[in-house]
Amino acid sequence: QLLAIEKLNRVPEIASIVTPDPKARN
């Protein structure tokens, strides 16, 4: 259960790395 919570907490971090910043693209 703790490891599952840890994975849920890391999903936003991964998403922020994969998705580029719109300001940077412009």
mmCIF file of all heavy atoms, coordinates in Angstrom:
data_MODEL
# 
_entry.id   MODEL 
# 
loop_
_atom_site.group_PDB 
_atom_site.id 
_atom_site.type_symbol 
_atom_site.label_atom_id 
_atom_site.label_alt_id 
_atom_site.label_comp_id 
_atom_site.label_asym_id 
_atom_site.label_entity_id 
_atom_site.label_seq_id 
_atom_site.pdbx_PDB_ins_code 
_atom_site.Cartn_x 
_atom_site.Cartn_y 
_atom_site.Cartn_z 
_atom_site.occupancy 
_atom_site.B_iso_or_equiv 
_atom_site.pdbx_formal_charge 
_atom_site.auth_seq_id 
_atom_site.auth_comp_id 
_atom_site.auth_asym_id 
_atom_site.auth_atom_id 
_atom_site.pdbx_PDB_model_num 
ATOM 1   N N   . GLN A 1 1  ? 0.825  -1.206 0.000   1.00 0.00 ? 1  GLN A N   1 
ATOM 2   C CA  . GLN A 1 1  ? 0.000  0.000  0.000   1.00 0.00 ? 1  GLN A CA  1 
ATOM 3   C C   . GLN A 1 1  ? 0.863  1.261  0.000   1.00 0.00 ? 1  GLN A C   1 
ATOM 4   O O   . GLN A 1 1  ? 0.561  2.231  -0.697  1.00 0.00 ? 1  GLN A O   1 
ATOM 5   C CB  . GLN A 1 1  ? -0.928 -0.008 1.214   1.00 0.00 ? 1  GLN A CB  1 
ATOM 6   C CG  . GLN A 1 1  ? -1.992 -1.098 1.162   1.00 0.00 ? 1  GLN A CG  1 
ATOM 7   C CD  . GLN A 1 1  ? -2.816 -1.154 2.427   1.00 0.00 ? 1  GLN A CD  1 
ATOM 8   O OE1 . GLN A 1 1  ? -2.472 -0.500 3.398   1.00 0.00 ? 1  GLN A OE1 1 
ATOM 9   N NE2 . GLN A 1 1  ? -3.892 -1.972 2.413   1.00 0.00 ? 1  GLN A NE2 1 
ATOM 10  N N   . LEU A 1 2  ? 1.936  1.232  0.765   1.00 0.00 ? 2  LEU A N   1 
ATOM 11  C CA  . LEU A 1 2  ? 2.834  2.397  0.797   1.00 0.00 ? 2  LEU A CA  1 
ATOM 12  C C   . LEU A 1 2  ? 3.503  2.631  -0.546  1.00 0.00 ? 2  LEU A C   1 
ATOM 13  O O   . LEU A 1 2  ? 3.660  3.767  -0.995  1.00 0.00 ? 2  LEU A O   1 
ATOM 14  C CB  . LEU A 1 2  ? 3.872  2.214  1.897   1.00 0.00 ? 2  LEU A CB  1 
ATOM 15  C CG  . LEU A 1 2  ? 3.330  2.215  3.335   1.00 0.00 ? 2  LEU A CG  1 
ATOM 16  C CD1 . LEU A 1 2  ? 4.453  1.877  4.309   1.00 0.00 ? 2  LEU A CD1 1 
ATOM 17  C CD2 . LEU A 1 2  ? 2.738  3.560  3.675   1.00 0.00 ? 2  LEU A CD2 1 
ATOM 18  N N   . LEU A 1 3  ? 3.929  1.534  -1.198  1.00 0.00 ? 3  LEU A N   1 
ATOM 19  C CA  . LEU A 1 3  ? 4.565  1.674  -2.505  1.00 0.00 ? 3  LEU A CA  1 
ATOM 20  C C   . LEU A 1 3  ? 3.570  2.216  -3.528  1.00 0.00 ? 3  LEU A C   1 
ATOM 21  O O   . LEU A 1 3  ? 3.920  3.014  -4.398  1.00 0.00 ? 3  LEU A O   1 
ATOM 22  C CB  . LEU A 1 3  ? 5.133  0.327  -2.945  1.00 0.00 ? 3  LEU A CB  1 
ATOM 23  C CG  . LEU A 1 3  ? 6.326  -0.178 -2.116  1.00 0.00 ? 3  LEU A CG  1 
ATOM 24  C CD1 . LEU A 1 3  ? 6.718  -1.592 -2.570  1.00 0.00 ? 3  LEU A CD1 1 
ATOM 25  C CD2 . LEU A 1 3  ? 7.513  0.767  -2.244  1.00 0.00 ? 3  LEU A CD2 1 
ATOM 26  N N   . ALA A 1 4  ? 2.326  1.797  -3.436  1.00 0.00 ? 4  ALA A N   1 
ATOM 27  C CA  . ALA A 1 4  ? 1.309  2.311  -4.348  1.00 0.00 ? 4  ALA A CA  1 
ATOM 28  C C   . ALA A 1 4  ? 1.096  3.803  -4.145  1.00 0.00 ? 4  ALA A C   1 
ATOM 29  O O   . ALA A 1 4  ? 0.932  4.559  -5.099  1.00 0.00 ? 4  ALA A O   1 
ATOM 30  C CB  . ALA A 1 4  ? 0.012  1.546  -4.148  1.00 0.00 ? 4  ALA A CB  1 
ATOM 31  N N   . ILE A 1 5  ? 1.097  4.212  -2.895  1.00 0.00 ? 5  ILE A N   1 
ATOM 32  C CA  . ILE A 1 5  ? 0.972  5.654  -2.616  1.00 0.00 ? 5  ILE A CA  1 
ATOM 33  C C   . ILE A 1 5  ? 2.140  6.417  -3.188  1.00 0.00 ? 5  ILE A C   1 
ATOM 34  O O   . ILE A 1 5  ? 1.995  7.514  -3.752  1.00 0.00 ? 5  ILE A O   1 
ATOM 35  C CB  . ILE A 1 5  ? 0.850  5.888  -1.096  1.00 0.00 ? 5  ILE A CB  1 
ATOM 36  C CG1 . ILE A 1 5  ? -0.470 5.292  -0.569  1.00 0.00 ? 5  ILE A CG1 1 
ATOM 37  C CG2 . ILE A 1 5  ? 0.931  7.362  -0.747  1.00 0.00 ? 5  ILE A CG2 1 
ATOM 38  C CD1 . ILE A 1 5  ? -0.580 5.320  0.937   1.00 0.00 ? 5  ILE A CD1 1 
ATOM 39  N N   . GLU A 1 6  ? 3.320  5.833  -3.084  1.00 0.00 ? 6  GLU A N   1 
ATOM 40  C CA  . GLU A 1 6  ? 4.516  6.476  -3.615  1.00 0.00 ? 6  GLU A CA  1 
ATOM 41  C C   . GLU A 1 6  ? 4.431  6.636  -5.126  1.00 0.00 ? 6  GLU A C   1 
ATOM 42  O O   . GLU A 1 6  ? 4.789  7.675  -5.683  1.00 0.00 ? 6  GLU A O   1 
ATOM 43  C CB  . GLU A 1 6  ? 5.756  5.653  -3.239  1.00 0.00 ? 6  GLU A CB  1 
ATOM 44  C CG  . GLU A 1 6  ? 7.064  6.163  -3.851  1.00 0.00 ? 6  GLU A CG  1 
ATOM 45  C CD  . GLU A 1 6  ? 7.409  7.579  -3.419  1.00 0.00 ? 6  GLU A CD  1 
ATOM 46  O OE1 . GLU A 1 6  ? 6.905  8.005  -2.359  1.00 0.00 ? 6  GLU A OE1 1 
ATOM 47  O OE2 . GLU A 1 6  ? 8.146  8.275  -4.124  1.00 0.00 ? 6  GLU A OE2 1 
ATOM 48  N N   . LYS A 1 7  ? 3.924  5.616  -5.822  1.00 0.00 ? 7  LYS A N   1 
ATOM 49  C CA  . LYS A 1 7  ? 3.775  5.708  -7.268  1.00 0.00 ? 7  LYS A CA  1 
ATOM 50  C C   . LYS A 1 7  ? 2.784  6.799  -7.651  1.00 0.00 ? 7  LYS A C   1 
ATOM 51  O O   . LYS A 1 7  ? 2.974  7.527  -8.615  1.00 0.00 ? 7  LYS A O   1 
ATOM 52  C CB  . LYS A 1 7  ? 3.333  4.365  -7.826  1.00 0.00 ? 7  LYS A CB  1 
ATOM 53  C CG  . LYS A 1 7  ? 4.425  3.297  -7.752  1.00 0.00 ? 7  LYS A CG  1 
ATOM 54  C CD  . LYS A 1 7  ? 3.900  1.974  -8.305  1.00 0.00 ? 7  LYS A CD  1 
ATOM 55  C CE  . LYS A 1 7  ? 4.982  0.885  -8.229  1.00 0.00 ? 7  LYS A CE  1 
ATOM 56  N NZ  . LYS A 1 7  ? 4.508  -0.425 -8.755  1.00 0.00 ? 7  LYS A NZ  1 
ATOM 57  N N   . LEU A 1 8  ? 1.691  6.900  -6.875  1.00 0.00 ? 8  LEU A N   1 
ATOM 58  C CA  . LEU A 1 8  ? 0.703  7.960  -7.155  1.00 0.00 ? 8  LEU A CA  1 
ATOM 59  C C   . LEU A 1 8  ? 1.304  9.339  -6.970  1.00 0.00 ? 8  LEU A C   1 
ATOM 60  O O   . LEU A 1 8  ? 0.986  10.276 -7.696  1.00 0.00 ? 8  LEU A O   1 
ATOM 61  C CB  . LEU A 1 8  ? -0.523 7.788  -6.257  1.00 0.00 ? 8  LEU A CB  1 
ATOM 62  C CG  . LEU A 1 8  ? -1.397 6.567  -6.567  1.00 0.00 ? 8  LEU A CG  1 
ATOM 63  C CD1 . LEU A 1 8  ? -2.506 6.439  -5.505  1.00 0.00 ? 8  LEU A CD1 1 
ATOM 64  C CD2 . LEU A 1 8  ? -2.014 6.664  -7.951  1.00 0.00 ? 8  LEU A CD2 1 
ATOM 65  N N   . ASN A 1 9  ? 2.142  9.495  -5.969  1.00 0.00 ? 9  ASN A N   1 
ATOM 66  C CA  . ASN A 1 9  ? 2.783  10.797 -5.721  1.00 0.00 ? 9  ASN A CA  1 
ATOM 67  C C   . ASN A 1 9  ? 3.783  11.131 -6.822  1.00 0.00 ? 9  ASN A C   1 
ATOM 68  O O   . ASN A 1 9  ? 4.039  12.300 -7.107  1.00 0.00 ? 9  ASN A O   1 
ATOM 69  C CB  . ASN A 1 9  ? 3.477  10.806 -4.379  1.00 0.00 ? 9  ASN A CB  1 
ATOM 70  C CG  . ASN A 1 9  ? 2.484  10.774 -3.231  1.00 0.00 ? 9  ASN A CG  1 
ATOM 71  O OD1 . ASN A 1 9  ? 1.346  11.216 -3.377  1.00 0.00 ? 9  ASN A OD1 1 
ATOM 72  N ND2 . ASN A 1 9  ? 2.901  10.228 -2.086  1.00 0.00 ? 9  ASN A ND2 1 
ATOM 73  N N   . ARG A 1 10 ? 4.390  10.114 -7.497  1.00 0.00 ? 10 ARG A N   1 
ATOM 74  C CA  . ARG A 1 10 ? 5.405  10.381 -8.511  1.00 0.00 ? 10 ARG A CA  1 
ATOM 75  C C   . ARG A 1 10 ? 4.800  10.632 -9.882  1.00 0.00 ? 10 ARG A C   1 
ATOM 76  O O   . ARG A 1 10 ? 5.471  11.133 -10.767 1.00 0.00 ? 10 ARG A O   1 
ATOM 77  C CB  . ARG A 1 10 ? 6.363  9.188  -8.587  1.00 0.00 ? 10 ARG A CB  1 
ATOM 78  C CG  . ARG A 1 10 ? 7.211  9.032  -7.328  1.00 0.00 ? 10 ARG A CG  1 
ATOM 79  C CD  . ARG A 1 10 ? 8.154  7.857  -7.454  1.00 0.00 ? 10 ARG A CD  1 
ATOM 80  N NE  . ARG A 1 10 ? 9.117  8.115  -8.562  1.00 0.00 ? 10 ARG A NE  1 
ATOM 81  C CZ  . ARG A 1 10 ? 10.027 7.222  -8.979  1.00 0.00 ? 10 ARG A CZ  1 
ATOM 82  N NH1 . ARG A 1 10 ? 10.078 6.027  -8.426  1.00 0.00 ? 10 ARG A NH1 1 
ATOM 83  N NH2 . ARG A 1 10 ? 10.858 7.512  -9.979  1.00 0.00 ? 10 ARG A NH2 1 
ATOM 84  N N   . VAL A 1 11 ? 3.532  10.305 -10.093 1.00 0.00 ? 11 VAL A N   1 
ATOM 85  C CA  . VAL A 1 11 ? 2.912  10.499 -11.409 1.00 0.00 ? 11 VAL A CA  1 
ATOM 86  C C   . VAL A 1 11 ? 2.908  11.957 -11.819 1.00 0.00 ? 11 VAL A C   1 
ATOM 87  O O   . VAL A 1 11 ? 3.260  12.299 -12.955 1.00 0.00 ? 11 VAL A O   1 
ATOM 88  C CB  . VAL A 1 11 ? 1.493  9.898  -11.417 1.00 0.00 ? 11 VAL A CB  1 
ATOM 89  C CG1 . VAL A 1 11 ? 0.739  10.338 -12.678 1.00 0.00 ? 11 VAL A CG1 1 
ATOM 90  C CG2 . VAL A 1 11 ? 1.583  8.386  -11.379 1.00 0.00 ? 11 VAL A CG2 1 
ATOM 91  N N   . PRO A 1 12 ? 2.522  12.924 -10.937 1.00 0.00 ? 12 PRO A N   1 
ATOM 92  C CA  . PRO A 1 12 ? 2.555  14.342 -11.355 1.00 0.00 ? 12 PRO A CA  1 
ATOM 93  C C   . PRO A 1 12 ? 3.940  14.809 -11.727 1.00 0.00 ? 12 PRO A C   1 
ATOM 94  O O   . PRO A 1 12 ? 4.100  15.626 -12.641 1.00 0.00 ? 12 PRO A O   1 
ATOM 95  C CB  . PRO A 1 12 ? 2.010  15.086 -10.139 1.00 0.00 ? 12 PRO A CB  1 
ATOM 96  C CG  . PRO A 1 12 ? 1.180  14.077 -9.442  1.00 0.00 ? 12 PRO A CG  1 
ATOM 97  C CD  . PRO A 1 12 ? 1.878  12.778 -9.628  1.00 0.00 ? 12 PRO A CD  1 
ATOM 98  N N   . GLU A 1 13 ? 4.965  14.281 -11.049 1.00 0.00 ? 13 GLU A N   1 
ATOM 99  C CA  . GLU A 1 13 ? 6.331  14.714 -11.364 1.00 0.00 ? 13 GLU A CA  1 
ATOM 100 C C   . GLU A 1 13 ? 6.720  14.255 -12.765 1.00 0.00 ? 13 GLU A C   1 
ATOM 101 O O   . GLU A 1 13 ? 7.313  14.993 -13.562 1.00 0.00 ? 13 GLU A O   1 
ATOM 102 C CB  . GLU A 1 13 ? 7.300  14.154 -10.335 1.00 0.00 ? 13 GLU A CB  1 
ATOM 103 C CG  . GLU A 1 13 ? 7.041  14.685 -8.914  1.00 0.00 ? 13 GLU A CG  1 
ATOM 104 C CD  . GLU A 1 13 ? 7.991  14.055 -7.906  1.00 0.00 ? 13 GLU A CD  1 
ATOM 105 O OE1 . GLU A 1 13 ? 8.823  13.234 -8.336  1.00 0.00 ? 13 GLU A OE1 1 
ATOM 106 O OE2 . GLU A 1 13 ? 7.876  14.396 -6.694  1.00 0.00 ? 13 GLU A OE2 1 
ATOM 107 N N   . ILE A 1 14 ? 6.359  12.988 -13.099 1.00 0.00 ? 14 ILE A N   1 
ATOM 108 C CA  . ILE A 1 14 ? 6.700  12.447 -14.428 1.00 0.00 ? 14 ILE A CA  1 
ATOM 109 C C   . ILE A 1 14 ? 5.945  13.217 -15.500 1.00 0.00 ? 14 ILE A C   1 
ATOM 110 O O   . ILE A 1 14 ? 6.478  13.560 -16.557 1.00 0.00 ? 14 ILE A O   1 
ATOM 111 C CB  . ILE A 1 14 ? 6.383  10.947 -14.492 1.00 0.00 ? 14 ILE A CB  1 
ATOM 112 C CG1 . ILE A 1 14 ? 7.251  10.204 -13.489 1.00 0.00 ? 14 ILE A CG1 1 
ATOM 113 C CG2 . ILE A 1 14 ? 6.590  10.395 -15.890 1.00 0.00 ? 14 ILE A CG2 1 
ATOM 114 C CD1 . ILE A 1 14 ? 6.881  8.753  -13.330 1.00 0.00 ? 14 ILE A CD1 1 
ATOM 115 N N   . ALA A 1 15 ? 4.680  13.511 -15.217 1.00 0.00 ? 15 ALA A N   1 
ATOM 116 C CA  . ALA A 1 15 ? 3.875  14.238 -16.194 1.00 0.00 ? 15 ALA A CA  1 
ATOM 117 C C   . ALA A 1 15 ? 4.448  15.615 -16.470 1.00 0.00 ? 15 ALA A C   1 
ATOM 118 O O   . ALA A 1 15 ? 4.461  16.097 -17.602 1.00 0.00 ? 15 ALA A O   1 
ATOM 119 C CB  . ALA A 1 15 ? 2.431  14.346 -15.723 1.00 0.00 ? 15 ALA A CB  1 
ATOM 120 N N   . SER A 1 16 ? 4.959  16.255 -15.443 1.00 0.00 ? 16 SER A N   1 
ATOM 121 C CA  . SER A 1 16 ? 5.530  17.584 -15.627 1.00 0.00 ? 16 SER A CA  1 
ATOM 122 C C   . SER A 1 16 ? 6.805  17.540 -16.426 1.00 0.00 ? 16 SER A C   1 
ATOM 123 O O   . SER A 1 16 ? 7.153  18.471 -17.155 1.00 0.00 ? 16 SER A O   1 
ATOM 124 C CB  . SER A 1 16 ? 5.773  18.235 -14.273 1.00 0.00 ? 16 SER A CB  1 
ATOM 125 O OG  . SER A 1 16 ? 6.716  17.477 -13.548 1.00 0.00 ? 16 SER A OG  1 
ATOM 126 N N   . ILE A 1 17 ? 7.531  16.420 -16.332 1.00 0.00 ? 17 ILE A N   1 
ATOM 127 C CA  . ILE A 1 17 ? 8.781  16.300 -17.097 1.00 0.00 ? 17 ILE A CA  1 
ATOM 128 C C   . ILE A 1 17 ? 8.475  16.021 -18.556 1.00 0.00 ? 17 ILE A C   1 
ATOM 129 O O   . ILE A 1 17 ? 9.060  16.600 -19.470 1.00 0.00 ? 17 ILE A O   1 
ATOM 130 C CB  . ILE A 1 17 ? 9.669  15.187 -16.494 1.00 0.00 ? 17 ILE A CB  1 
ATOM 131 C CG1 . ILE A 1 17 ? 10.091 15.612 -15.100 1.00 0.00 ? 17 ILE A CG1 1 
ATOM 132 C CG2 . ILE A 1 17 ? 10.873 14.916 -17.367 1.00 0.00 ? 17 ILE A CG2 1 
ATOM 133 C CD1 . ILE A 1 17 ? 10.804 14.503 -14.341 1.00 0.00 ? 17 ILE A CD1 1 
ATOM 134 N N   . VAL A 1 18 ? 7.476  15.139 -18.804 1.00 0.00 ? 18 VAL A N   1 
ATOM 135 C CA  . VAL A 1 18 ? 7.150  14.759 -20.187 1.00 0.00 ? 18 VAL A CA  1 
ATOM 136 C C   . VAL A 1 18 ? 6.488  15.903 -20.923 1.00 0.00 ? 18 VAL A C   1 
ATOM 137 O O   . VAL A 1 18 ? 6.775  16.183 -22.083 1.00 0.00 ? 18 VAL A O   1 
ATOM 138 C CB  . VAL A 1 18 ? 6.257  13.504 -20.178 1.00 0.00 ? 18 VAL A CB  1 
ATOM 139 C CG1 . VAL A 1 18 ? 5.783  13.176 -21.597 1.00 0.00 ? 18 VAL A CG1 1 
ATOM 140 C CG2 . VAL A 1 18 ? 7.016  12.343 -19.606 1.00 0.00 ? 18 VAL A CG2 1 
ATOM 141 N N   . THR A 1 19 ? 5.594  16.592 -20.299 1.00 0.00 ? 19 THR A N   1 
ATOM 142 C CA  . THR A 1 19 ? 4.852  17.677 -20.953 1.00 0.00 ? 19 THR A CA  1 
ATOM 143 C C   . THR A 1 19 ? 5.702  18.931 -20.942 1.00 0.00 ? 19 THR A C   1 
ATOM 144 O O   . THR A 1 19 ? 6.084  19.425 -19.879 1.00 0.00 ? 19 THR A O   1 
ATOM 145 C CB  . THR A 1 19 ? 3.547  17.944 -20.224 1.00 0.00 ? 19 THR A CB  1 
ATOM 146 O OG1 . THR A 1 19 ? 2.813  16.726 -20.173 1.00 0.00 ? 19 THR A OG1 1 
ATOM 147 C CG2 . THR A 1 19 ? 2.728  19.023 -20.949 1.00 0.00 ? 19 THR A CG2 1 
ATOM 148 N N   . PRO A 1 20 ? 6.052  19.478 -22.133 1.00 0.00 ? 20 PRO A N   1 
ATOM 149 C CA  . PRO A 1 20 ? 6.865  20.704 -22.138 1.00 0.00 ? 20 PRO A CA  1 
ATOM 150 C C   . PRO A 1 20 ? 6.068  21.917 -21.718 1.00 0.00 ? 20 PRO A C   1 
ATOM 151 O O   . PRO A 1 20 ? 4.854  21.920 -21.781 1.00 0.00 ? 20 PRO A O   1 
ATOM 152 C CB  . PRO A 1 20 ? 7.287  20.791 -23.628 1.00 0.00 ? 20 PRO A CB  1 
ATOM 153 C CG  . PRO A 1 20 ? 6.196  20.090 -24.369 1.00 0.00 ? 20 PRO A CG  1 
ATOM 154 C CD  . PRO A 1 20 ? 5.737  18.978 -23.475 1.00 0.00 ? 20 PRO A CD  1 
ATOM 155 N N   . ASP A 1 21 ? 6.746  22.950 -21.320 1.00 0.00 ? 21 ASP A N   1 
ATOM 156 C CA  . ASP A 1 21 ? 6.127  24.189 -20.891 1.00 0.00 ? 21 ASP A CA  1 
ATOM 157 C C   . ASP A 1 21 ? 5.655  24.966 -22.088 1.00 0.00 ? 21 ASP A C   1 
ATOM 158 O O   . ASP A 1 21 ? 6.429  25.181 -23.032 1.00 0.00 ? 21 ASP A O   1 
ATOM 159 C CB  . ASP A 1 21 ? 7.150  24.999 -20.095 1.00 0.00 ? 21 ASP A CB  1 
ATOM 160 C CG  . ASP A 1 21 ? 6.501  26.196 -19.429 1.00 0.00 ? 21 ASP A CG  1 
ATOM 161 O OD1 . ASP A 1 21 ? 5.270  26.389 -19.594 1.00 0.00 ? 21 ASP A OD1 1 
ATOM 162 O OD2 . ASP A 1 21 ? 7.208  26.940 -18.699 1.00 0.00 ? 21 ASP A OD2 1 
ATOM 163 N N   . PRO A 1 22 ? 4.412  25.364 -22.140 1.00 0.00 ? 22 PRO A N   1 
ATOM 164 C CA  . PRO A 1 22 ? 3.913  26.133 -23.323 1.00 0.00 ? 22 PRO A CA  1 
ATOM 165 C C   . PRO A 1 22 ? 4.702  27.411 -23.552 1.00 0.00 ? 22 PRO A C   1 
ATOM 166 O O   . PRO A 1 22 ? 4.933  27.787 -24.705 1.00 0.00 ? 22 PRO A O   1 
ATOM 167 C CB  . PRO A 1 22 ? 2.458  26.445 -22.947 1.00 0.00 ? 22 PRO A CB  1 
ATOM 168 C CG  . PRO A 1 22 ? 2.090  25.395 -21.953 1.00 0.00 ? 22 PRO A CG  1 
ATOM 169 C CD  . PRO A 1 22 ? 3.322  25.072 -21.215 1.00 0.00 ? 22 PRO A CD  1 
ATOM 170 N N   . LYS A 1 23 ? 5.093  28.076 -22.516 1.00 0.00 ? 23 LYS A N   1 
ATOM 171 C CA  . LYS A 1 23 ? 5.853  29.318 -22.680 1.00 0.00 ? 23 LYS A CA  1 
ATOM 172 C C   . LYS A 1 23 ? 7.191  29.037 -23.348 1.00 0.00 ? 23 LYS A C   1 
ATOM 173 O O   . LYS A 1 23 ? 7.659  29.801 -24.194 1.00 0.00 ? 23 LYS A O   1 
ATOM 174 C CB  . LYS A 1 23 ? 6.063  29.975 -21.329 1.00 0.00 ? 23 LYS A CB  1 
ATOM 175 C CG  . LYS A 1 23 ? 4.752  30.472 -20.719 1.00 0.00 ? 23 LYS A CG  1 
ATOM 176 C CD  . LYS A 1 23 ? 5.045  31.154 -19.398 1.00 0.00 ? 23 LYS A CD  1 
ATOM 177 C CE  . LYS A 1 23 ? 3.745  31.677 -18.760 1.00 0.00 ? 23 LYS A CE  1 
ATOM 178 N NZ  . LYS A 1 23 ? 3.985  32.340 -17.472 1.00 0.00 ? 23 LYS A NZ  1 
ATOM 179 N N   . ALA A 1 24 ? 7.804  27.913 -22.927 1.00 0.00 ? 24 ALA A N   1 
ATOM 180 C CA  . ALA A 1 24 ? 9.098  27.570 -23.544 1.00 0.00 ? 24 ALA A CA  1 
ATOM 181 C C   . ALA A 1 24 ? 8.940  27.279 -24.999 1.00 0.00 ? 24 ALA A C   1 
ATOM 182 O O   . ALA A 1 24 ? 9.769  27.655 -25.857 1.00 0.00 ? 24 ALA A O   1 
ATOM 183 C CB  . ALA A 1 24 ? 9.724  26.375 -22.804 1.00 0.00 ? 24 ALA A CB  1 
ATOM 184 N N   . ARG A 1 25 ? 7.820  26.561 -25.426 1.00 0.00 ? 25 ARG A N   1 
ATOM 185 C CA  . ARG A 1 25 ? 7.583  26.232 -26.845 1.00 0.00 ? 25 ARG A CA  1 
ATOM 186 C C   . ARG A 1 25 ? 7.369  27.498 -27.654 1.00 0.00 ? 25 ARG A C   1 
ATOM 187 O O   . ARG A 1 25 ? 7.866  27.615 -28.769 1.00 0.00 ? 25 ARG A O   1 
ATOM 188 C CB  . ARG A 1 25 ? 6.366  25.299 -26.951 1.00 0.00 ? 25 ARG A CB  1 
ATOM 189 C CG  . ARG A 1 25 ? 6.190  24.835 -28.397 1.00 0.00 ? 25 ARG A CG  1 
ATOM 190 C CD  . ARG A 1 25 ? 5.194  23.673 -28.510 1.00 0.00 ? 25 ARG A CD  1 
ATOM 191 N NE  . ARG A 1 25 ? 3.921  24.000 -27.917 1.00 0.00 ? 25 ARG A NE  1 
ATOM 192 C CZ  . ARG A 1 25 ? 3.466  23.374 -26.844 1.00 0.00 ? 25 ARG A CZ  1 
ATOM 193 N NH1 . ARG A 1 25 ? 4.149  22.412 -26.267 1.00 0.00 ? 25 ARG A NH1 1 
ATOM 194 N NH2 . ARG A 1 25 ? 2.281  23.717 -26.356 1.00 0.00 ? 25 ARG A NH2 1 
ATOM 195 N N   . ASN A 1 26 ? 6.682  28.452 -27.084 1.00 0.00 ? 26 ASN A N   1 
ATOM 196 C CA  . ASN A 1 26 ? 6.481  29.705 -27.834 1.00 0.00 ? 26 ASN A CA  1 
ATOM 197 C C   . ASN A 1 26 ? 7.778  30.450 -28.006 1.00 0.00 ? 26 ASN A C   1 
ATOM 198 O O   . ASN A 1 26 ? 8.006  31.108 -29.008 1.00 0.00 ? 26 ASN A O   1 
ATOM 199 C CB  . ASN A 1 26 ? 5.463  30.570 -27.077 1.00 0.00 ? 26 ASN A CB  1 
ATOM 200 C CG  . ASN A 1 26 ? 4.078  29.920 -27.122 1.00 0.00 ? 26 ASN A CG  1 
ATOM 201 O OD1 . ASN A 1 26 ? 3.772  29.162 -28.019 1.00 0.00 ? 26 ASN A OD1 1 
ATOM 202 N ND2 . ASN A 1 26 ? 3.255  30.277 -26.122 1.00 0.00 ? 26 ASN A ND2 1 
# 
